[in-house]
Amino acid sequence: MPEDVVSLFDLGFLGVEKEYPEQRSLLPVKREKDCELTVKQKMYNHKHSKRRIVIEHAICRIKK
């Protein structure tokens, strides 16, 4: 995979950064136990989900 390509993942792929450190990846911020997310982290997760939903809908159309 080219170095300038960034992969979007959901929380199901939390170990991908450890297994493939050379691959650039974007994961949502996970809330830690007994802590709330900051406003900045919530905004990041919201933007991340808006980008991912486009991909998810495209995959759904391909499957149909």
PDB file of N, CA and C in Angstrom:
ATOM      1  N   MET A   1       0.853  -1.171   0.000  1.00  0.00           N
ATOM      2  CA  MET A   1       0.000   0.000   0.000  1.00  0.00           C
ATOM      3  C   MET A   1       0.903   1.240   0.000  1.00  0.00           C
ATOM      4  N   PRO A   2       0.591   2.229  -0.839  1.00  0.00           N
ATOM      5  CA  PRO A   2       1.397   3.458  -0.848  1.00  0.00           C
ATOM      6  C   PRO A   2       1.378   4.152   0.517  1.00  0.00           C
ATOM      7  N   GLU A   3       2.470   4.841   0.826  1.00  0.00           N
ATOM      8  CA  GLU A   3       2.608   5.465   2.138  1.00  0.00           C
ATOM      9  C   GLU A   3       1.643   6.620   2.358  1.00  0.00           C
ATOM     10  N   ASP A   4       1.215   7.301   1.291  1.00  0.00           N
ATOM     11  CA  ASP A   4       0.342   8.465   1.462  1.00  0.00           C
ATOM     12  C   ASP A   4      -1.136   8.101   1.578  1.00  0.00           C
ATOM     13  N   VAL A   5      -1.477   6.821   1.508  1.00  0.00           N
ATOM     14  CA  VAL A   5      -2.860   6.369   1.653  1.00  0.00           C
ATOM     15  C   VAL A   5      -3.178   6.187   3.135  1.00  0.00           C
ATOM     16  N   VAL A   6      -4.299   6.761   3.566  1.00  0.00           N
ATOM     17  CA  VAL A   6      -4.731   6.652   4.959  1.00  0.00           C
ATOM     18  C   VAL A   6      -5.979   5.782   4.989  1.00  0.00           C
ATOM     19  N   SER A   7      -5.971   4.773   5.837  1.00  0.00           N
ATOM     20  CA  SER A   7      -7.107   3.858   5.959  1.00  0.00           C
ATOM     21  C   SER A   7      -7.999   4.276   7.120  1.00  0.00           C
ATOM     22  N   LEU A   8      -9.316   4.242   6.891  1.00  0.00           N
ATOM     23  CA  LEU A   8     -10.289   4.547   7.938  1.00  0.00           C
ATOM     24  C   LEU A   8     -10.790   3.244   8.532  1.00  0.00           C
ATOM     25  N   PHE A   9     -10.794   3.159   9.841  1.00  0.00           N
ATOM     26  CA  PHE A   9     -11.256   1.963  10.526  1.00  0.00           C
ATOM     27  C   PHE A   9     -12.264   2.344  11.584  1.00  0.00           C
ATOM     28  N   ASP A  10     -13.050   1.353  12.028  1.00  0.00           N
ATOM     29  CA  ASP A  10     -13.931   1.565  13.171  1.00  0.00           C
ATOM     30  C   ASP A  10     -13.308   0.885  14.389  1.00  0.00           C
ATOM     31  N   LEU A  11     -14.019   0.868  15.494  1.00  0.00           N
ATOM     32  CA  LEU A  11     -13.447   0.327  16.733  1.00  0.00           C
ATOM     33  C   LEU A  11     -13.252  -1.181  16.699  1.00  0.00           C
ATOM     34  N   GLY A  12     -13.739  -1.852  15.669  1.00  0.00           N
ATOM     35  CA  GLY A  12     -13.515  -3.284  15.528  1.00  0.00           C
ATOM     36  C   GLY A  12     -12.091  -3.618  15.121  1.00  0.00           C
ATOM     37  N   PHE A  13     -11.313  -2.618  14.712  1.00  0.00           N
ATOM     38  CA  PHE A  13      -9.953  -2.835  14.248  1.00  0.00           C
ATOM     39  C   PHE A  13      -8.932  -2.133  15.140  1.00  0.00           C
ATOM     40  N   LEU A  14      -9.117  -2.197  16.443  1.00  0.00           N
ATOM     41  CA  LEU A  14      -8.228  -1.485  17.363  1.00  0.00           C
ATOM     42  C   LEU A  14      -6.781  -1.957  17.295  1.00  0.00           C
ATOM     43  N   GLY A  15      -6.512  -3.196  16.968  1.00  0.00           N
ATOM     44  CA  GLY A  15      -5.154  -3.708  16.947  1.00  0.00           C
ATOM     45  C   GLY A  15      -4.399  -3.448  15.667  1.00  0.00           C
ATOM     46  N   VAL A  16      -5.033  -2.826  14.688  1.00  0.00           N
ATOM     47  CA  VAL A  16      -4.386  -2.647  13.390  1.00  0.00           C
ATOM     48  C   VAL A  16      -3.154  -1.741  13.476  1.00  0.00           C
ATOM     49  N   GLU A  17      -3.160  -0.776  14.360  1.00  0.00           N
ATOM     50  CA  GLU A  17      -2.006   0.120  14.491  1.00  0.00           C
ATOM     51  C   GLU A  17      -0.786  -0.614  15.039  1.00  0.00           C
ATOM     52  N   LYS A  18      -1.004  -1.586  15.913  1.00  0.00           N
ATOM     53  CA  LYS A  18       0.111  -2.348  16.468  1.00  0.00           C
ATOM     54  C   LYS A  18       0.626  -3.387  15.471  1.00  0.00           C
ATOM     55  N   GLU A  19      -0.275  -4.009  14.727  1.00  0.00           N
ATOM     56  CA  GLU A  19       0.116  -5.051  13.781  1.00  0.00           C
ATOM     57  C   GLU A  19       0.768  -4.482  12.524  1.00  0.00           C
ATOM     58  N   TYR A  20       0.311  -3.312  12.089  1.00  0.00           N
ATOM     59  CA  TYR A  20       0.830  -2.688  10.870  1.00  0.00           C
ATOM     60  C   TYR A  20       1.246  -1.246  11.166  1.00  0.00           C
ATOM     61  N   PRO A  21       2.346  -1.050  11.876  1.00  0.00           N
ATOM     62  CA  PRO A  21       2.733   0.323  12.244  1.00  0.00           C
ATOM     63  C   PRO A  21       3.138   1.189  11.055  1.00  0.00           C
ATOM     64  N   GLU A  22       3.529   0.572   9.940  1.00  0.00           N
ATOM     65  CA  GLU A  22       3.940   1.347   8.776  1.00  0.00           C
ATOM     66  C   GLU A  22       2.750   1.885   7.989  1.00  0.00           C
ATOM     67  N   GLN A  23       1.559   1.332   8.206  1.00  0.00           N
ATOM     68  CA  GLN A  23       0.355   1.772   7.503  1.00  0.00           C
ATOM     69  C   GLN A  23      -0.288   2.919   8.267  1.00  0.00           C
ATOM     70  N   ARG A  24      -0.607   3.999   7.559  1.00  0.00           N
ATOM     71  CA  ARG A  24      -1.281   5.129   8.191  1.00  0.00           C
ATOM     72  C   ARG A  24      -2.751   4.782   8.349  1.00  0.00           C
ATOM     73  N   SER A  25      -3.289   4.979   9.523  1.00  0.00           N
ATOM     74  CA  SER A  25      -4.680   4.627   9.771  1.00  0.00           C
ATOM     75  C   SER A  25      -5.324   5.652  10.690  1.00  0.00           C
ATOM     76  N   LEU A  26      -6.639   5.800  10.529  1.00  0.00           N
ATOM     77  CA  LEU A  26      -7.420   6.683  11.384  1.00  0.00           C
ATOM     78  C   LEU A  26      -8.466   5.849  12.107  1.00  0.00           C
ATOM     79  N   LEU A  27      -8.425   5.914  13.414  1.00  0.00           N
ATOM     80  CA  LEU A  27      -9.391   5.220  14.254  1.00  0.00           C
ATOM     81  C   LEU A  27     -10.137   6.241  15.094  1.00  0.00           C
ATOM     82  N   PRO A  28     -11.393   5.972  15.436  1.00  0.00           N
ATOM     83  CA  PRO A  28     -12.089   6.884  16.347  1.00  0.00           C
ATOM     84  C   PRO A  28     -11.483   6.793  17.753  1.00  0.00           C
ATOM     85  N   VAL A  29     -11.706   7.820  18.532  1.00  0.00           N
ATOM     86  CA  VAL A  29     -11.200   7.856  19.904  1.00  0.00           C
ATOM     87  C   VAL A  29     -12.161   7.064  20.774  1.00  0.00           C
ATOM     88  N   LYS A  30     -11.621   6.118  21.519  1.00  0.00           N
ATOM     89  CA  LYS A  30     -12.439   5.297  22.399  1.00  0.00           C
ATOM     90  C   LYS A  30     -12.470   5.911  23.797  1.00  0.00           C
ATOM     91  N   ARG A  31     -13.646   5.921  24.383  1.00  0.00           N
ATOM     92  CA  ARG A  31     -13.798   6.457  25.735  1.00  0.00           C
ATOM     93  C   ARG A  31     -13.170   5.495  26.727  1.00  0.00           C
ATOM     94  N   GLU A  32     -12.364   6.042  27.632  1.00  0.00           N
ATOM     95  CA  GLU A  32     -11.764   5.218  28.667  1.00  0.00           C
ATOM     96  C   GLU A  32     -12.747   5.033  29.810  1.00  0.00           C
ATOM     97  N   LYS A  33     -12.522   4.001  30.574  1.00  0.00           N
ATOM     98  CA  LYS A  33     -13.413   3.699  31.696  1.00  0.00           C
ATOM     99  C   LYS A  33     -13.402   4.847  32.700  1.00  0.00           C
ATOM    100  N   ASP A  34     -14.579   5.240  33.148  1.00  0.00           N
ATOM    101  CA  ASP A  34     -14.767   6.306  34.136  1.00  0.00           C
ATOM    102  C   ASP A  34     -14.327   7.678  33.649  1.00  0.00           C
ATOM    103  N   CYS A  35     -14.193   7.870  32.337  1.00  0.00           N
ATOM    104  CA  CYS A  35     -13.831   9.173  31.777  1.00  0.00           C
ATOM    105  C   CYS A  35     -14.754   9.480  30.605  1.00  0.00           C
ATOM    106  N   GLU A  36     -15.045  10.744  30.419  1.00  0.00           N
ATOM    107  CA  GLU A  36     -15.845  11.180  29.279  1.00  0.00           C
ATOM    108  C   GLU A  36     -14.918  11.731  28.208  1.00  0.00           C
ATOM    109  N   LEU A  37     -15.385  11.724  26.969  1.00  0.00           N
ATOM    110  CA  LEU A  37     -14.622  12.304  25.879  1.00  0.00           C
ATOM    111  C   LEU A  37     -14.717  13.822  25.947  1.00  0.00           C
ATOM    112  N   THR A  38     -13.648  14.477  25.529  1.00  0.00           N
ATOM    113  CA  THR A  38     -13.674  15.930  25.469  1.00  0.00           C
ATOM    114  C   THR A  38     -14.494  16.353  24.252  1.00  0.00           C
ATOM    115  N   VAL A  39     -14.817  17.621  24.178  1.00  0.00           N
ATOM    116  CA  VAL A  39     -15.583  18.147  23.050  1.00  0.00           C
ATOM    117  C   VAL A  39     -14.792  17.957  21.758  1.00  0.00           C
ATOM    118  N   LYS A  40     -13.490  18.164  21.826  1.00  0.00           N
ATOM    119  CA  LYS A  40     -12.642  17.995  20.638  1.00  0.00           C
ATOM    120  C   LYS A  40     -12.643  16.540  20.164  1.00  0.00           C
ATOM    121  N   GLN A  41     -12.586  15.591  21.089  1.00  0.00           N
ATOM    122  CA  GLN A  41     -12.619  14.175  20.728  1.00  0.00           C
ATOM    123  C   GLN A  41     -13.973  13.785  20.143  1.00  0.00           C
ATOM    124  N   LYS A  42     -15.048  14.338  20.693  1.00  0.00           N
ATOM    125  CA  LYS A  42     -16.379  14.068  20.161  1.00  0.00           C
ATOM    126  C   LYS A  42     -16.515  14.610  18.739  1.00  0.00           C
ATOM    127  N   MET A  43     -15.969  15.798  18.500  1.00  0.00           N
ATOM    128  CA  MET A  43     -16.013  16.377  17.149  1.00  0.00           C
ATOM    129  C   MET A  43     -15.210  15.521  16.173  1.00  0.00           C
ATOM    130  N   TYR A  44     -14.044  15.031  16.611  1.00  0.00           N
ATOM    131  CA  TYR A  44     -13.226  14.165  15.764  1.00  0.00           C
ATOM    132  C   TYR A  44     -13.988  12.889  15.420  1.00  0.00           C
ATOM    133  N   ASN A  45     -14.615  12.250  16.417  1.00  0.00           N
ATOM    134  CA  ASN A  45     -15.386  11.034  16.175  1.00  0.00           C
ATOM    135  C   ASN A  45     -16.560  11.297  15.234  1.00  0.00           C
ATOM    136  N   HIS A  46     -17.196  12.453  15.365  1.00  0.00           N
ATOM    137  CA  HIS A  46     -18.321  12.801  14.495  1.00  0.00           C
ATOM    138  C   HIS A  46     -17.853  12.953  13.046  1.00  0.00           C
ATOM    139  N   LYS A  47     -16.740  13.647  12.838  1.00  0.00           N
ATOM    140  CA  LYS A  47     -16.199  13.807  11.485  1.00  0.00           C
ATOM    141  C   LYS A  47     -15.757  12.462  10.915  1.00  0.00           C
ATOM    142  N   HIS A  48     -15.173  11.635  11.764  1.00  0.00           N
ATOM    143  CA  HIS A  48     -14.727  10.307  11.338  1.00  0.00           C
ATOM    144  C   HIS A  48     -15.922   9.472  10.881  1.00  0.00           C
ATOM    145  N   SER A  49     -17.000   9.508  11.638  1.00  0.00           N
ATOM    146  CA  SER A  49     -18.176   8.707  11.280  1.00  0.00           C
ATOM    147  C   SER A  49     -18.841   9.230  10.017  1.00  0.00           C
ATOM    148  N   LYS A  50     -18.807  10.533   9.785  1.00  0.00           N
ATOM    149  CA  LYS A  50     -19.377  11.094   8.558  1.00  0.00           C
ATOM    150  C   LYS A  50     -18.608  10.615   7.328  1.00  0.00           C
ATOM    151  N   ARG A  51     -17.293  10.478   7.454  1.00  0.00           N
ATOM    152  CA  ARG A  51     -16.484   9.959   6.338  1.00  0.00           C
ATOM    153  C   ARG A  51     -16.726   8.472   6.139  1.00  0.00           C
ATOM    154  N   ARG A  52     -16.835   7.727   7.228  1.00  0.00           N
ATOM    155  CA  ARG A  52     -17.010   6.277   7.130  1.00  0.00           C
ATOM    156  C   ARG A  52     -18.365   5.871   6.590  1.00  0.00           C
ATOM    157  N   ILE A  53     -19.415   6.635   6.885  1.00  0.00           N
ATOM    158  CA  ILE A  53     -20.746   6.247   6.447  1.00  0.00           C
ATOM    159  C   ILE A  53     -20.853   6.276   4.930  1.00  0.00           C
ATOM    160  N   VAL A  54     -20.122   7.166   4.297  1.00  0.00           N
ATOM    161  CA  VAL A  54     -20.103   7.208   2.828  1.00  0.00           C
ATOM    162  C   VAL A  54     -19.532   5.899   2.289  1.00  0.00           C
ATOM    163  N   ILE A  55     -18.468   5.420   2.906  1.00  0.00           N
ATOM    164  CA  ILE A  55     -17.844   4.161   2.493  1.00  0.00           C
ATOM    165  C   ILE A  55     -18.785   2.990   2.754  1.00  0.00           C
ATOM    166  N   GLU A  56     -19.407   2.980   3.921  1.00  0.00           N
ATOM    167  CA  GLU A  56     -20.325   1.891   4.270  1.00  0.00           C
ATOM    168  C   GLU A  56     -21.503   1.823   3.302  1.00  0.00           C
ATOM    169  N   HIS A  57     -22.041   2.976   2.909  1.00  0.00           N
ATOM    170  CA  HIS A  57     -23.157   2.989   1.958  1.00  0.00           C
ATOM    171  C   HIS A  57     -22.712   2.503   0.583  1.00  0.00           C
ATOM    172  N   ALA A  58     -21.499   2.861   0.170  1.00  0.00           N
ATOM    173  CA  ALA A  58     -20.986   2.389  -1.119  1.00  0.00           C
ATOM    174  C   ALA A  58     -20.828   0.874  -1.114  1.00  0.00           C
ATOM    175  N   ILE A  59     -20.311   0.316  -0.039  1.00  0.00           N
ATOM    176  CA  ILE A  59     -20.162  -1.136   0.065  1.00  0.00           C
ATOM    177  C   ILE A  59     -21.527  -1.816   0.021  1.00  0.00           C
ATOM    178  N   CYS A  60     -22.522  -1.225   0.682  1.00  0.00           N
ATOM    179  CA  CYS A  60     -23.875  -1.771   0.686  1.00  0.00           C
ATOM    180  C   CYS A  60     -24.452  -1.796  -0.725  1.00  0.00           C
ATOM    181  N   ARG A  61     -24.241  -0.722  -1.491  1.00  0.00           N
ATOM    182  CA  ARG A  61     -24.756  -0.677  -2.872  1.00  0.00           C
ATOM    183  C   ARG A  61     -24.092  -1.710  -3.743  1.00  0.00           C
ATOM    184  N   ILE A  62     -22.802  -1.932  -3.531  1.00  0.00           N
ATOM    185  CA  ILE A  62     -22.083  -2.941  -4.312  1.00  0.00           C
ATOM    186  C   ILE A  62     -22.628  -4.333  -4.026  1.00  0.00           C
ATOM    187  N   LYS A  63     -22.926  -4.618  -2.758  1.00  0.00           N
ATOM    188  CA  LYS A  63     -23.447  -5.925  -2.376  1.00  0.00           C
ATOM    189  C   LYS A  63     -24.833  -6.185  -2.953  1.00  0.00           C
ATOM    190  N   LYS A  64     -25.627  -5.130  -3.105  1.00  0.00           N
ATOM    191  CA  LYS A  64     -26.970  -5.304  -3.665  1.00  0.00           C
ATOM    192  C   LYS A  64     -26.864  -5.557  -5.141  1.00  0.00           C
TER     193      LYS A  64
END
